[in-house]
N, C-alpha and C. Protein backbone atom coordinates (compact mmCIF):
# COMPACT_ATOMS: atom_id res chain seq x y z
N UNK A 1 7.94 36.03 111.85
CA UNK A 1 8.29 36.86 110.93
C UNK A 1 6.92 37.00 109.82
N UNK A 2 6.19 38.02 109.69
CA UNK A 2 5.23 38.05 108.94
C UNK A 2 5.61 38.28 107.46
N UNK A 3 5.31 37.63 106.52
CA UNK A 3 5.37 38.31 104.95
C UNK A 3 5.43 39.86 104.69
N UNK A 4 5.99 40.62 103.91
CA UNK A 4 5.45 41.81 103.58
C UNK A 4 4.18 41.98 102.99
N UNK A 5 3.40 42.79 103.28
CA UNK A 5 2.13 43.29 102.72
C UNK A 5 2.58 43.79 100.95
N UNK A 6 1.62 43.00 100.37
CA UNK A 6 1.36 43.17 99.23
C UNK A 6 0.66 44.81 98.88
N UNK A 7 1.00 45.68 97.95
CA UNK A 7 0.45 46.72 97.51
C UNK A 7 -1.31 46.82 97.13
N UNK A 8 -1.64 47.53 97.63
CA UNK A 8 -3.47 47.53 97.63
C UNK A 8 -3.52 47.36 95.80
N UNK A 9 -4.39 46.92 95.40
CA UNK A 9 -4.88 46.76 93.82
C UNK A 9 -5.35 48.37 93.75
N UNK A 10 -5.42 48.74 92.24
CA UNK A 10 -6.22 49.87 91.77
C UNK A 10 -7.55 49.72 92.15
N UNK A 11 -8.36 51.08 92.45
CA UNK A 11 -9.90 51.16 92.58
C UNK A 11 -10.20 50.33 91.06
N UNK A 12 -11.28 49.75 91.25
CA UNK A 12 -12.38 49.26 90.16
C UNK A 12 -13.00 50.50 89.69
N UNK A 13 -13.10 50.47 88.40
CA UNK A 13 -13.92 51.70 87.54
C UNK A 13 -14.94 50.79 87.65
N UNK A 14 -16.15 51.86 87.77
CA UNK A 14 -17.43 51.34 87.67
C UNK A 14 -18.32 52.80 87.29
N UNK A 15 -19.30 52.51 86.75
CA UNK A 15 -20.20 53.43 86.10
C UNK A 15 -21.50 53.85 87.00
N UNK A 16 -20.72 54.97 87.99
CA UNK A 16 -21.73 55.32 88.91
C UNK A 16 -23.08 55.91 88.66
N UNK A 17 -23.22 56.60 87.49
CA UNK A 17 -24.55 57.10 86.54
C UNK A 17 -25.30 55.75 86.58
N UNK A 18 -25.03 54.83 86.21
CA UNK A 18 -25.73 53.43 85.78
C UNK A 18 -26.26 53.05 87.12
N UNK A 19 -25.34 52.98 88.21
CA UNK A 19 -25.95 52.40 89.30
C UNK A 19 -27.24 53.26 90.08
N UNK A 20 -26.98 54.75 90.15
CA UNK A 20 -27.90 55.46 90.39
C UNK A 20 -28.90 55.52 89.68
N UNK A 21 -29.16 55.31 88.33
CA UNK A 21 -30.12 55.05 87.29
C UNK A 21 -31.03 54.09 87.93
N UNK A 22 -30.19 52.94 87.93
CA UNK A 22 -30.76 51.60 88.37
C UNK A 22 -31.60 51.70 89.82
N UNK A 23 -31.11 52.16 90.66
CA UNK A 23 -31.80 52.49 92.03
C UNK A 23 -32.87 53.53 91.79
N UNK A 24 -32.94 54.38 90.77
CA UNK A 24 -33.85 55.24 90.40
C UNK A 24 -35.19 54.63 90.05
N UNK A 25 -34.70 53.58 88.83
CA UNK A 25 -35.66 52.81 88.16
C UNK A 25 -36.84 51.61 89.48
N UNK A 26 -35.65 51.52 90.34
CA UNK A 26 -36.10 50.55 91.28
C UNK A 26 -37.19 51.28 92.15
N UNK A 27 -36.99 52.47 92.57
CA UNK A 27 -37.56 53.29 93.42
C UNK A 27 -39.20 53.30 92.47
N UNK A 28 -38.97 53.68 91.23
CA UNK A 28 -40.05 54.16 90.50
C UNK A 28 -40.90 52.84 90.16
N UNK A 29 -40.32 51.78 89.97
CA UNK A 29 -40.98 50.44 90.11
C UNK A 29 -41.87 50.28 91.42
N UNK A 30 -41.36 50.48 92.37
CA UNK A 30 -41.93 50.45 93.72
C UNK A 30 -43.03 51.36 94.04
N UNK A 31 -42.87 52.22 93.51
CA UNK A 31 -44.05 53.62 93.48
C UNK A 31 -45.32 53.26 92.80
N UNK A 32 -44.83 52.56 91.39
CA UNK A 32 -45.94 52.16 90.72
C UNK A 32 -46.81 50.96 91.15
N UNK A 33 -45.82 49.97 91.66
CA UNK A 33 -46.33 48.77 92.64
C UNK A 33 -47.23 49.29 93.57
N UNK A 34 -46.84 49.93 94.54
CA UNK A 34 -47.69 50.49 95.79
C UNK A 34 -48.94 51.49 95.13
N UNK A 35 -48.84 52.20 94.10
CA UNK A 35 -49.99 52.84 93.52
C UNK A 35 -51.09 51.64 93.02
N UNK A 36 -50.35 50.58 92.24
CA UNK A 36 -51.82 49.86 92.05
C UNK A 36 -52.21 48.81 93.07
N UNK A 37 -51.32 48.45 93.90
CA UNK A 37 -52.02 47.57 95.12
C UNK A 37 -52.61 48.58 95.68
N UNK A 38 -52.70 49.87 96.35
CA UNK A 38 -53.47 50.57 97.14
C UNK A 38 -52.76 50.30 98.43
N UNK A 39 -52.78 51.53 99.01
CA UNK A 39 -52.53 51.14 100.73
C UNK A 39 -53.34 51.65 101.47
N UNK A 40 -53.62 51.38 102.72
CA UNK A 40 -54.32 52.02 103.63
C UNK A 40 -53.62 53.29 104.06
N UNK A 41 -54.79 54.19 104.85
CA UNK A 41 -54.41 55.49 104.76
C UNK A 41 -53.26 55.46 105.88
N UNK A 42 -53.50 54.53 106.72
CA UNK A 42 -51.90 54.94 107.68
C UNK A 42 -50.90 54.20 106.65
N UNK A 43 -50.82 53.83 106.03
CA UNK A 43 -49.35 53.57 105.20
C UNK A 43 -49.13 54.14 103.77
N UNK A 44 -49.62 55.34 103.55
CA UNK A 44 -49.80 56.29 102.70
C UNK A 44 -47.90 56.77 102.45
N UNK A 45 -47.29 56.76 103.62
CA UNK A 45 -45.83 57.05 103.89
C UNK A 45 -45.09 56.21 102.90
N UNK A 46 -45.37 55.49 102.39
CA UNK A 46 -44.58 54.77 101.81
C UNK A 46 -44.40 55.08 100.28
N UNK A 47 -45.63 55.85 99.99
CA UNK A 47 -45.47 56.42 98.62
C UNK A 47 -44.31 57.88 98.56
N UNK A 48 -44.48 58.14 99.60
CA UNK A 48 -43.44 59.64 99.87
C UNK A 48 -42.15 59.10 100.18
N UNK A 49 -41.79 57.79 100.51
CA UNK A 49 -40.34 57.08 100.68
C UNK A 49 -40.12 56.76 98.91
N UNK A 50 -40.86 56.20 98.25
CA UNK A 50 -40.40 56.05 96.79
C UNK A 50 -40.12 57.21 96.19
N UNK A 51 -40.89 58.33 96.26
CA UNK A 51 -40.89 59.47 95.79
C UNK A 51 -39.65 60.11 96.43
N UNK A 52 -39.12 60.02 97.37
CA UNK A 52 -37.52 60.58 97.99
C UNK A 52 -36.71 59.90 97.27
N UNK A 53 -36.73 58.36 97.22
CA UNK A 53 -35.69 57.72 96.80
C UNK A 53 -35.66 58.06 95.09
N UNK A 54 -36.76 58.28 94.46
CA UNK A 54 -36.79 58.78 93.26
C UNK A 54 -35.83 60.13 92.92
N UNK A 55 -36.15 61.25 93.88
CA UNK A 55 -35.70 62.39 93.90
C UNK A 55 -34.26 62.34 93.98
N UNK A 56 -33.71 61.67 94.98
CA UNK A 56 -32.40 61.28 95.34
C UNK A 56 -31.52 60.88 94.19
N UNK A 57 -32.05 59.85 93.69
CA UNK A 57 -31.49 58.98 92.42
C UNK A 57 -31.53 59.82 91.05
N UNK A 58 -32.07 60.62 91.04
CA UNK A 58 -32.09 61.92 90.00
C UNK A 58 -31.30 62.98 90.37
N UNK A 59 -31.22 63.36 91.29
CA UNK A 59 -30.23 64.34 92.02
C UNK A 59 -28.70 63.29 91.73
N UNK A 60 -28.51 62.55 92.00
CA UNK A 60 -27.09 61.59 92.04
C UNK A 60 -27.14 61.41 90.30
N UNK A 61 -27.73 61.39 89.68
CA UNK A 61 -27.44 61.03 88.28
C UNK A 61 -27.07 62.52 88.10
N UNK A 62 -27.39 63.73 88.16
CA UNK A 62 -27.25 64.88 87.72
C UNK A 62 -25.52 64.97 88.49
N UNK A 63 -25.41 64.71 89.79
CA UNK A 63 -24.20 65.22 90.93
C UNK A 63 -23.04 64.39 90.41
N UNK A 64 -23.15 63.11 90.30
CA UNK A 64 -21.96 62.16 90.05
C UNK A 64 -21.07 62.90 88.68
N UNK A 65 -21.80 62.73 87.85
CA UNK A 65 -20.76 63.48 86.72
C UNK A 65 -19.66 64.36 86.96
N UNK A 66 -20.44 65.45 87.47
CA UNK A 66 -19.71 66.67 87.99
C UNK A 66 -18.99 66.46 89.08
N UNK A 67 -19.32 65.41 89.98
CA UNK A 67 -18.14 64.83 91.14
C UNK A 67 -16.67 64.56 90.57
N UNK A 68 -17.24 63.32 89.57
CA UNK A 68 -15.84 62.79 88.80
C UNK A 68 -15.25 63.78 88.03
N UNK A 69 -15.77 64.44 87.28
CA UNK A 69 -15.14 65.29 86.80
C UNK A 69 -14.09 66.51 87.45
N UNK A 70 -14.92 67.01 88.53
CA UNK A 70 -13.95 67.62 89.56
C UNK A 70 -12.71 66.92 90.05
N UNK A 71 -13.00 65.66 90.11
CA UNK A 71 -11.78 64.87 91.02
C UNK A 71 -10.77 64.71 89.97
N UNK A 72 -11.28 64.36 88.71
CA UNK A 72 -10.10 64.00 87.41
C UNK A 72 -9.25 65.69 87.56
N UNK A 73 -10.00 66.97 87.42
CA UNK A 73 -9.63 68.11 87.16
C UNK A 73 -8.67 68.27 88.34
N UNK A 74 -9.38 67.83 89.59
CA UNK A 74 -7.98 68.11 90.85
C UNK A 74 -6.75 67.13 90.85
N UNK A 75 -6.88 65.93 90.14
CA UNK A 75 -5.90 64.96 89.89
C UNK A 75 -4.76 65.52 89.29
N UNK A 76 -5.30 65.75 87.87
CA UNK A 76 -4.53 66.73 86.80
C UNK A 76 -3.71 68.06 87.52
N UNK A 77 -4.13 68.65 88.13
CA UNK A 77 -3.43 69.71 88.58
C UNK A 77 -2.47 69.33 89.60
N UNK A 78 -2.85 68.63 90.61
CA UNK A 78 -1.95 67.89 91.66
C UNK A 78 -0.55 67.13 90.87
N UNK A 79 -0.88 66.32 89.70
CA UNK A 79 0.24 65.85 89.04
C UNK A 79 1.17 67.14 88.33
N UNK A 80 0.13 68.27 87.83
CA UNK A 80 1.13 69.31 87.03
C UNK A 80 1.81 69.91 88.14
N UNK A 81 1.47 70.22 89.55
CA UNK A 81 2.15 70.91 90.21
C UNK A 81 3.48 69.87 91.24
N UNK A 82 3.25 68.72 90.75
CA UNK A 82 4.19 67.64 91.28
C UNK A 82 5.52 68.01 90.36
N UNK A 83 5.08 67.80 88.95
CA UNK A 83 5.76 67.87 87.83
C UNK A 83 6.44 69.22 87.45
N UNK A 84 5.94 70.55 88.09
CA UNK A 84 6.61 71.63 87.96
C UNK A 84 7.40 71.37 89.54
N UNK A 85 7.24 70.94 90.48
CA UNK A 85 8.09 70.86 91.49
C UNK A 85 9.60 70.07 91.23
N UNK A 86 9.18 68.95 90.48
CA UNK A 86 10.33 68.50 90.31
C UNK A 86 11.44 69.03 89.42
N UNK A 87 10.66 69.77 88.47
CA UNK A 87 11.54 70.66 87.26
C UNK A 87 12.12 72.05 87.93
N UNK A 88 11.51 72.57 89.18
CA UNK A 88 12.22 73.45 89.83
C UNK A 88 13.47 73.16 90.61
N UNK A 89 12.92 71.66 90.97
CA UNK A 89 14.32 71.23 91.92
C UNK A 89 15.59 70.99 90.91
N UNK A 90 15.40 70.43 89.93
CA UNK A 90 16.26 70.15 88.87
C UNK A 90 17.11 71.25 88.45
N UNK A 91 16.00 72.43 88.19
CA UNK A 91 16.98 73.55 87.71
C UNK A 91 17.79 74.24 88.92
N UNK A 92 17.27 73.84 90.19
CA UNK A 92 18.37 74.60 91.31
C UNK A 92 19.13 74.03 91.95
N UNK A 93 19.03 72.41 91.25
CA UNK A 93 20.33 71.92 91.63
C UNK A 93 21.15 71.62 91.08
């Protein structure tokens, strides 16, 4: 017989915007290094990889706060709906 499973811990709070900013800075540093070092003409696509990384990071820094706010609003609405249903059941019962 196996022991009962313990409940999962709550999700860890993280600062996702800071993580996206760190990644964006890393891509910017890589771009600067590649520009300083200089690349053969066949390897110039690496510059565009860095530019794409910077662009995606900037988008993430714009999008993540909006995503988190929408999820918080959705959770609040879900809790309010559950609370309202409980009150309706108590008054009906």
